[in-house]
Amino acid sequence: MRKPRDFDAELKALADKARHLQQQKLHQLGELVTVTGADTLSPEHLAGALLAAVEMKDAPTKEAWRKRGAAFFQSNSRKNAGANAQESGVVSARAGGAASSVRADSASG
C-alpha cells in the first residue's frame, strides 16, 4: 500500500516557493532600477514613465524599447563577465525590455 500524500505540506511548500520567487522578483526589479540609473528619478517620474510604458499601444515603439533593453543586458553582461551570476544576470529579457522601455521613454520626454 502506498503512503498517502500530504497535500497540506505540498501546498505549504508551493506557497513558500511562490513567496520566495515574488521576493526575488522584487529584489531584481530594485537592482534593475539602480543599474539603469532610474533611481535618480523621483518616484513620481518613475511611476509616470512606467505607466506610460504599460499603456503604450504602439507596437514598433515597444519593439524598439525591447531591442534597446536586450542590447543593454548584452553589453552589461560583457562588462560584468567576471562578476558572479546573480549580479550579471539578475533580470530576464522580458523584464529588461519593459524596464528599458521606461528609460527610453523618460529620456525622450
N, C-alpha and C. Protein backbone atom coordinates (compact mmCIF):
# COMPACT_ATOMS: atom_id res chain seq x y z
N MET A 1 0.83 -1.18 0.00
CA MET A 1 0.00 0.00 0.00
C MET A 1 0.88 1.25 0.00
N ARG A 2 0.51 2.21 -0.83
CA ARG A 2 1.30 3.44 -0.93
C ARG A 2 0.99 4.38 0.23
N LYS A 3 2.00 5.15 0.54
CA LYS A 3 1.86 6.17 1.59
C LYS A 3 0.98 7.30 1.05
N PRO A 4 -0.01 7.74 1.81
CA PRO A 4 -0.87 8.84 1.32
C PRO A 4 -0.07 10.14 1.22
N ARG A 5 -0.43 10.95 0.21
CA ARG A 5 0.24 12.23 0.00
C ARG A 5 -0.22 13.23 1.05
N ASP A 6 0.71 14.05 1.47
CA ASP A 6 0.38 15.11 2.43
C ASP A 6 0.15 16.39 1.64
N PHE A 7 -1.10 16.58 1.22
CA PHE A 7 -1.43 17.72 0.38
C PHE A 7 -1.18 19.04 1.09
N ASP A 8 -1.45 19.08 2.37
CA ASP A 8 -1.22 20.33 3.12
C ASP A 8 0.25 20.72 3.09
N ALA A 9 1.13 19.75 3.29
CA ALA A 9 2.57 20.03 3.27
C ALA A 9 3.01 20.46 1.87
N GLU A 10 2.46 19.82 0.83
CA GLU A 10 2.81 20.20 -0.54
C GLU A 10 2.32 21.60 -0.87
N LEU A 11 1.12 21.94 -0.43
CA LEU A 11 0.60 23.30 -0.65
C LEU A 11 1.42 24.33 0.09
N LYS A 12 1.83 24.03 1.30
CA LYS A 12 2.67 24.95 2.07
C LYS A 12 4.01 25.15 1.37
N ALA A 13 4.59 24.06 0.86
CA ALA A 13 5.87 24.16 0.15
C ALA A 13 5.73 25.02 -1.11
N LEU A 14 4.63 24.83 -1.83
CA LEU A 14 4.40 25.64 -3.03
C LEU A 14 4.20 27.11 -2.68
N ALA A 15 3.47 27.37 -1.62
CA ALA A 15 3.24 28.76 -1.19
C ALA A 15 4.56 29.41 -0.77
N ASP A 16 5.41 28.66 -0.07
CA ASP A 16 6.72 29.18 0.33
C ASP A 16 7.57 29.49 -0.90
N LYS A 17 7.53 28.59 -1.88
CA LYS A 17 8.31 28.80 -3.11
C LYS A 17 7.79 30.03 -3.86
N ALA A 18 6.47 30.18 -3.94
CA ALA A 18 5.88 31.35 -4.61
C ALA A 18 6.28 32.63 -3.90
N ARG A 19 6.27 32.62 -2.58
CA ARG A 19 6.67 33.80 -1.80
C ARG A 19 8.14 34.14 -2.06
N HIS A 20 8.98 33.11 -2.10
CA HIS A 20 10.40 33.32 -2.36
C HIS A 20 10.61 33.91 -3.76
N LEU A 21 9.90 33.38 -4.76
CA LEU A 21 10.03 33.89 -6.12
C LEU A 21 9.56 35.34 -6.22
N GLN A 22 8.49 35.68 -5.51
CA GLN A 22 8.00 37.06 -5.52
C GLN A 22 9.03 38.01 -4.89
N GLN A 23 9.64 37.58 -3.79
CA GLN A 23 10.68 38.40 -3.15
C GLN A 23 11.88 38.56 -4.07
N GLN A 24 12.26 37.48 -4.77
CA GLN A 24 13.38 37.55 -5.69
C GLN A 24 13.06 38.51 -6.85
N LYS A 25 11.84 38.46 -7.34
CA LYS A 25 11.42 39.35 -8.42
C LYS A 25 11.50 40.81 -7.98
N LEU A 26 11.04 41.10 -6.78
CA LEU A 26 11.11 42.48 -6.27
C LEU A 26 12.55 42.93 -6.09
N HIS A 27 13.39 42.06 -5.60
CA HIS A 27 14.81 42.39 -5.43
C HIS A 27 15.45 42.70 -6.79
N GLN A 28 15.15 41.88 -7.78
CA GLN A 28 15.71 42.08 -9.11
C GLN A 28 15.20 43.37 -9.74
N LEU A 29 13.94 43.70 -9.49
CA LEU A 29 13.40 44.95 -10.01
C LEU A 29 14.14 46.14 -9.40
N GLY A 30 14.40 46.07 -8.10
CA GLY A 30 15.18 47.13 -7.45
C GLY A 30 16.58 47.25 -8.03
N GLU A 31 17.21 46.11 -8.30
CA GLU A 31 18.54 46.13 -8.91
C GLU A 31 18.47 46.74 -10.31
N LEU A 32 17.42 46.42 -11.04
CA LEU A 32 17.26 46.96 -12.39
C LEU A 32 17.11 48.47 -12.36
N VAL A 33 16.33 48.97 -11.43
CA VAL A 33 16.15 50.42 -11.29
C VAL A 33 17.49 51.08 -11.02
N THR A 34 18.28 50.47 -10.17
CA THR A 34 19.58 51.04 -9.82
C THR A 34 20.56 50.97 -10.99
N VAL A 35 20.68 49.81 -11.63
CA VAL A 35 21.68 49.63 -12.68
C VAL A 35 21.37 50.47 -13.92
N THR A 36 20.09 50.77 -14.18
CA THR A 36 19.75 51.61 -15.33
C THR A 36 19.88 53.09 -15.03
N GLY A 37 20.08 53.43 -13.77
CA GLY A 37 20.17 54.83 -13.40
C GLY A 37 18.81 55.46 -13.12
N ALA A 38 17.76 54.66 -13.16
CA ALA A 38 16.41 55.19 -12.93
C ALA A 38 16.19 55.58 -11.48
N ASP A 39 17.11 55.20 -10.60
CA ASP A 39 16.98 55.59 -9.19
C ASP A 39 17.23 57.08 -9.00
N THR A 40 17.72 57.76 -10.02
CA THR A 40 17.92 59.21 -9.92
C THR A 40 16.62 59.96 -10.18
N LEU A 41 15.62 59.28 -10.73
CA LEU A 41 14.33 59.90 -10.97
C LEU A 41 13.52 59.95 -9.68
N SER A 42 12.64 60.92 -9.60
CA SER A 42 11.73 60.97 -8.45
C SER A 42 10.74 59.81 -8.59
N PRO A 43 10.16 59.37 -7.49
CA PRO A 43 9.16 58.29 -7.58
C PRO A 43 8.01 58.65 -8.52
N GLU A 44 7.62 59.92 -8.55
CA GLU A 44 6.53 60.34 -9.43
C GLU A 44 6.92 60.20 -10.90
N HIS A 45 8.15 60.61 -11.25
CA HIS A 45 8.62 60.48 -12.63
C HIS A 45 8.72 59.01 -13.02
N LEU A 46 9.28 58.21 -12.15
CA LEU A 46 9.44 56.79 -12.45
C LEU A 46 8.08 56.11 -12.61
N ALA A 47 7.15 56.41 -11.72
CA ALA A 47 5.81 55.83 -11.83
C ALA A 47 5.13 56.28 -13.12
N GLY A 48 5.28 57.55 -13.46
CA GLY A 48 4.68 58.05 -14.70
C GLY A 48 5.26 57.37 -15.94
N ALA A 49 6.57 57.19 -15.94
CA ALA A 49 7.22 56.53 -17.08
C ALA A 49 6.77 55.07 -17.18
N LEU A 50 6.67 54.39 -16.05
CA LEU A 50 6.21 53.00 -16.06
C LEU A 50 4.77 52.91 -16.54
N LEU A 51 3.92 53.80 -16.07
CA LEU A 51 2.52 53.80 -16.52
C LEU A 51 2.43 54.06 -18.02
N ALA A 52 3.22 54.99 -18.52
CA ALA A 52 3.21 55.27 -19.96
C ALA A 52 3.68 54.06 -20.75
N ALA A 53 4.67 53.35 -20.24
CA ALA A 53 5.17 52.16 -20.94
C ALA A 53 4.11 51.06 -20.96
N VAL A 54 3.41 50.88 -19.85
CA VAL A 54 2.38 49.85 -19.78
C VAL A 54 1.21 50.20 -20.70
N GLU A 55 0.86 51.47 -20.79
CA GLU A 55 -0.28 51.90 -21.59
C GLU A 55 0.04 52.04 -23.07
N MET A 56 1.32 51.99 -23.43
CA MET A 56 1.75 52.18 -24.82
C MET A 56 1.13 51.09 -25.71
N LYS A 57 0.51 51.51 -26.81
CA LYS A 57 -0.11 50.58 -27.75
C LYS A 57 0.69 50.45 -29.04
N ASP A 58 1.65 51.34 -29.26
CA ASP A 58 2.42 51.37 -30.50
C ASP A 58 3.43 50.23 -30.52
N ALA A 59 3.15 49.20 -31.31
CA ALA A 59 4.00 48.01 -31.36
C ALA A 59 5.43 48.31 -31.82
N PRO A 60 5.64 49.13 -32.84
CA PRO A 60 7.03 49.41 -33.25
C PRO A 60 7.85 50.10 -32.14
N THR A 61 7.22 50.99 -31.40
CA THR A 61 7.92 51.64 -30.30
C THR A 61 8.27 50.63 -29.22
N LYS A 62 7.32 49.76 -28.88
CA LYS A 62 7.58 48.74 -27.86
C LYS A 62 8.70 47.81 -28.32
N GLU A 63 8.73 47.46 -29.60
CA GLU A 63 9.78 46.59 -30.12
C GLU A 63 11.13 47.29 -30.06
N ALA A 64 11.17 48.57 -30.36
CA ALA A 64 12.42 49.33 -30.26
C ALA A 64 12.90 49.36 -28.81
N TRP A 65 11.99 49.54 -27.87
CA TRP A 65 12.35 49.51 -26.46
C TRP A 65 12.89 48.14 -26.06
N ARG A 66 12.24 47.07 -26.56
CA ARG A 66 12.69 45.72 -26.23
C ARG A 66 14.11 45.50 -26.74
N LYS A 67 14.37 45.94 -27.97
CA LYS A 67 15.71 45.78 -28.54
C LYS A 67 16.74 46.57 -27.75
N ARG A 68 16.38 47.77 -27.34
CA ARG A 68 17.30 48.59 -26.54
C ARG A 68 17.58 47.91 -25.21
N GLY A 69 16.56 47.33 -24.61
CA GLY A 69 16.74 46.60 -23.35
C GLY A 69 17.62 45.38 -23.53
N ALA A 70 17.40 44.64 -24.60
CA ALA A 70 18.23 43.46 -24.87
C ALA A 70 19.69 43.87 -25.08
N ALA A 71 19.91 44.95 -25.82
CA ALA A 71 21.28 45.44 -26.04
C ALA A 71 21.91 45.87 -24.73
N PHE A 72 21.12 46.49 -23.86
CA PHE A 72 21.63 46.90 -22.56
C PHE A 72 22.13 45.70 -21.77
N PHE A 73 21.34 44.62 -21.74
CA PHE A 73 21.74 43.45 -20.97
C PHE A 73 22.92 42.74 -21.61
N GLN A 74 22.99 42.74 -22.93
CA GLN A 74 24.14 42.11 -23.59
C GLN A 74 25.41 42.88 -23.31
N SER A 75 25.37 44.19 -23.38
CA SER A 75 26.57 44.98 -23.11
C SER A 75 26.91 44.93 -21.63
N ASN A 76 25.90 44.91 -20.77
CA ASN A 76 26.11 44.85 -19.34
C ASN A 76 26.72 43.52 -18.94
N SER A 77 26.29 42.42 -19.56
CA SER A 77 26.83 41.12 -19.19
C SER A 77 28.27 40.98 -19.67
N ARG A 78 28.63 41.64 -20.76
CA ARG A 78 30.03 41.62 -21.20
C ARG A 78 30.91 42.38 -20.21
N LYS A 79 30.40 43.51 -19.70
CA LYS A 79 31.16 44.29 -18.74
C LYS A 79 31.35 43.52 -17.44
N ASN A 80 30.33 42.75 -17.06
CA ASN A 80 30.35 42.03 -15.79
C ASN A 80 30.72 40.56 -15.97
N ALA A 81 31.49 40.24 -16.99
CA ALA A 81 31.82 38.84 -17.26
C ALA A 81 32.49 38.18 -16.07
N GLY A 82 33.25 38.91 -15.30
CA GLY A 82 33.91 38.35 -14.13
C GLY A 82 33.06 38.38 -12.88
N ALA A 83 31.94 39.09 -12.91
CA ALA A 83 31.07 39.19 -11.72
C ALA A 83 30.31 37.89 -11.53
N ASN A 84 29.77 37.71 -10.34
CA ASN A 84 29.02 36.48 -10.12
C ASN A 84 27.71 36.50 -10.89
N ALA A 85 27.13 35.34 -11.10
CA ALA A 85 25.97 35.19 -11.97
C ALA A 85 24.77 35.96 -11.44
N GLN A 86 24.64 36.09 -10.14
CA GLN A 86 23.47 36.77 -9.59
C GLN A 86 23.49 38.25 -9.97
N GLU A 87 24.64 38.89 -9.98
CA GLU A 87 24.71 40.30 -10.29
C GLU A 87 24.62 40.58 -11.78
N SER A 88 25.18 39.69 -12.62
CA SER A 88 25.21 39.99 -14.04
C SER A 88 23.96 39.56 -14.78
N GLY A 89 23.19 38.62 -14.24
CA GLY A 89 22.01 38.14 -14.94
C GLY A 89 20.78 38.20 -14.10
N VAL A 90 20.58 39.30 -13.40
CA VAL A 90 19.51 39.36 -12.41
C VAL A 90 18.12 39.47 -13.00
N VAL A 91 18.00 39.92 -14.23
CA VAL A 91 16.67 40.17 -14.74
C VAL A 91 16.49 39.46 -16.07
N SER A 92 15.33 38.91 -16.27
CA SER A 92 15.04 38.21 -17.52
C SER A 92 14.96 39.20 -18.67
N ALA A 93 15.03 38.69 -19.88
CA ALA A 93 14.96 39.56 -21.05
C ALA A 93 13.61 40.26 -21.12
N ARG A 94 12.56 39.59 -20.70
CA ARG A 94 11.23 40.21 -20.74
C ARG A 94 11.18 41.41 -19.81
N ALA A 95 11.66 41.26 -18.61
CA ALA A 95 11.66 42.39 -17.68
C ALA A 95 12.59 43.48 -18.18
N GLY A 96 13.69 43.10 -18.81
CA GLY A 96 14.62 44.08 -19.33
C GLY A 96 14.00 44.94 -20.41
N GLY A 97 13.19 44.32 -21.27
CA GLY A 97 12.54 45.10 -22.32
C GLY A 97 11.59 46.13 -21.74
N ALA A 98 10.83 45.72 -20.75
CA ALA A 98 9.88 46.66 -20.15
C ALA A 98 10.59 47.75 -19.38
N ALA A 99 11.60 47.39 -18.62
CA ALA A 99 12.30 48.38 -17.81
C ALA A 99 13.10 49.32 -18.69
N SER A 100 13.71 48.79 -19.73
CA SER A 100 14.48 49.65 -20.60
C SER A 100 13.56 50.58 -21.36
N SER A 101 12.32 50.13 -21.58
CA SER A 101 11.37 51.00 -22.25
C SER A 101 11.09 52.23 -21.40
N VAL A 102 11.11 52.08 -20.12
CA VAL A 102 10.88 53.21 -19.24
C VAL A 102 12.02 54.19 -19.39
N ARG A 103 13.23 53.70 -19.42
CA ARG A 103 14.39 54.56 -19.58
C ARG A 103 14.33 55.29 -20.92
N ALA A 104 13.94 54.58 -21.97
CA ALA A 104 13.85 55.20 -23.29
C ALA A 104 12.76 56.28 -23.28
N ASP A 105 11.65 55.97 -22.62
CA ASP A 105 10.54 56.92 -22.57
C ASP A 105 10.94 58.15 -21.75
N SER A 106 11.58 57.93 -20.62
CA SER A 106 11.94 59.06 -19.76
C SER A 106 13.05 59.90 -20.39
N ALA A 107 13.91 59.28 -21.19
CA ALA A 107 14.99 60.03 -21.81
C ALA A 107 14.45 60.96 -22.90
N SER A 108 13.37 60.53 -23.55
CA SER A 108 12.85 61.34 -24.65
C SER A 108 11.88 62.41 -24.17
N GLY A 109 11.40 62.30 -22.92
CA GLY A 109 10.39 63.26 -22.50
C GLY A 109 10.73 63.96 -21.31
